[in-house]
Amino acid sequence: MRKFIKAFVRDERGVSAMEYAILAGIVAVALGALASGFSSNIQSWFSDLNSKVTTAKTNAG
């Protein structure tokens, strides 16, 4: 049993997969933070676009 545990601790085959998983988690958190920061800007942009389309529709009709 002791040999198995030592071999398991020394085995580095899964280390790169774990590093990629941690990196993917960090990227996901960063994208979430950016999305929440830009949400008000995006909402404002769509609101402005909606008012322009409504104005264009009113002027055309």
Protein backbone atom coordinates (compact mmCIF):
# COMPACT_ATOMS: atom_id res chain seq x y z
CA MET A 1 0.00 0.00 0.00
CA ARG A 2 2.83 2.34 0.84
CA LYS A 3 4.43 1.80 -2.58
CA PHE A 4 1.14 2.63 -4.28
CA ILE A 5 0.79 5.90 -2.38
CA LYS A 6 4.38 6.92 -3.14
CA ALA A 7 3.89 6.09 -6.81
CA PHE A 8 0.64 8.04 -6.86
CA VAL A 9 2.27 11.12 -5.31
CA ARG A 10 5.20 10.98 -7.75
CA ASP A 11 3.02 10.46 -10.82
CA GLU A 12 2.85 13.71 -12.79
CA ARG A 13 0.74 12.61 -15.76
CA GLY A 14 -2.40 14.41 -14.59
CA VAL A 15 -0.67 17.60 -13.51
CA SER A 16 -0.99 19.35 -16.86
CA ALA A 17 -4.71 18.55 -17.02
CA MET A 18 -5.15 20.07 -13.58
CA GLU A 19 -3.23 23.17 -14.60
CA TYR A 20 -5.45 23.60 -17.64
CA ALA A 21 -8.56 23.18 -15.49
CA ILE A 22 -7.36 25.87 -13.08
CA LEU A 23 -6.49 28.17 -15.98
CA ALA A 24 -9.93 27.62 -17.54
CA GLY A 25 -11.52 28.49 -14.20
CA ILE A 26 -9.55 31.71 -13.96
CA VAL A 27 -10.53 32.66 -17.52
CA ALA A 28 -14.20 31.95 -16.77
CA VAL A 29 -14.11 34.15 -13.66
CA ALA A 30 -12.38 36.95 -15.59
CA LEU A 31 -14.96 36.79 -18.40
CA GLY A 32 -17.76 36.89 -15.85
CA ALA A 33 -16.26 39.97 -14.23
CA LEU A 34 -15.90 41.68 -17.60
CA ALA A 35 -19.45 40.81 -18.59
CA SER A 36 -20.87 42.28 -15.41
CA GLY A 37 -18.79 45.42 -15.92
CA PHE A 38 -20.00 45.91 -19.46
CA SER A 39 -23.64 44.98 -18.86
CA SER A 40 -24.75 48.57 -18.22
CA ASN A 41 -22.88 49.78 -21.32
CA ILE A 42 -24.47 47.09 -23.47
CA GLN A 43 -27.92 47.81 -22.05
CA SER A 44 -27.45 51.51 -22.81
CA TRP A 45 -26.29 50.72 -26.34
CA PHE A 46 -29.35 48.54 -27.07
CA SER A 47 -31.68 51.14 -25.56
CA ASP A 48 -30.17 53.83 -27.79
CA LEU A 49 -30.45 51.53 -30.81
CA ASN A 50 -34.09 50.81 -29.99
CA SER A 51 -34.94 54.52 -29.77
CA LYS A 52 -33.22 55.20 -33.11
CA VAL A 53 -35.12 52.37 -34.81
CA THR A 54 -38.39 53.60 -33.30
CA THR A 55 -37.68 57.15 -34.46
CA ALA A 56 -36.79 55.93 -37.97
CA LYS A 57 -39.99 53.86 -38.09
CA THR A 58 -42.09 56.82 -36.98
CA ASN A 59 -40.49 59.17 -39.53
CA ALA A 60 -40.88 56.64 -42.36
CA GLY A 61 -44.51 55.83 -41.63
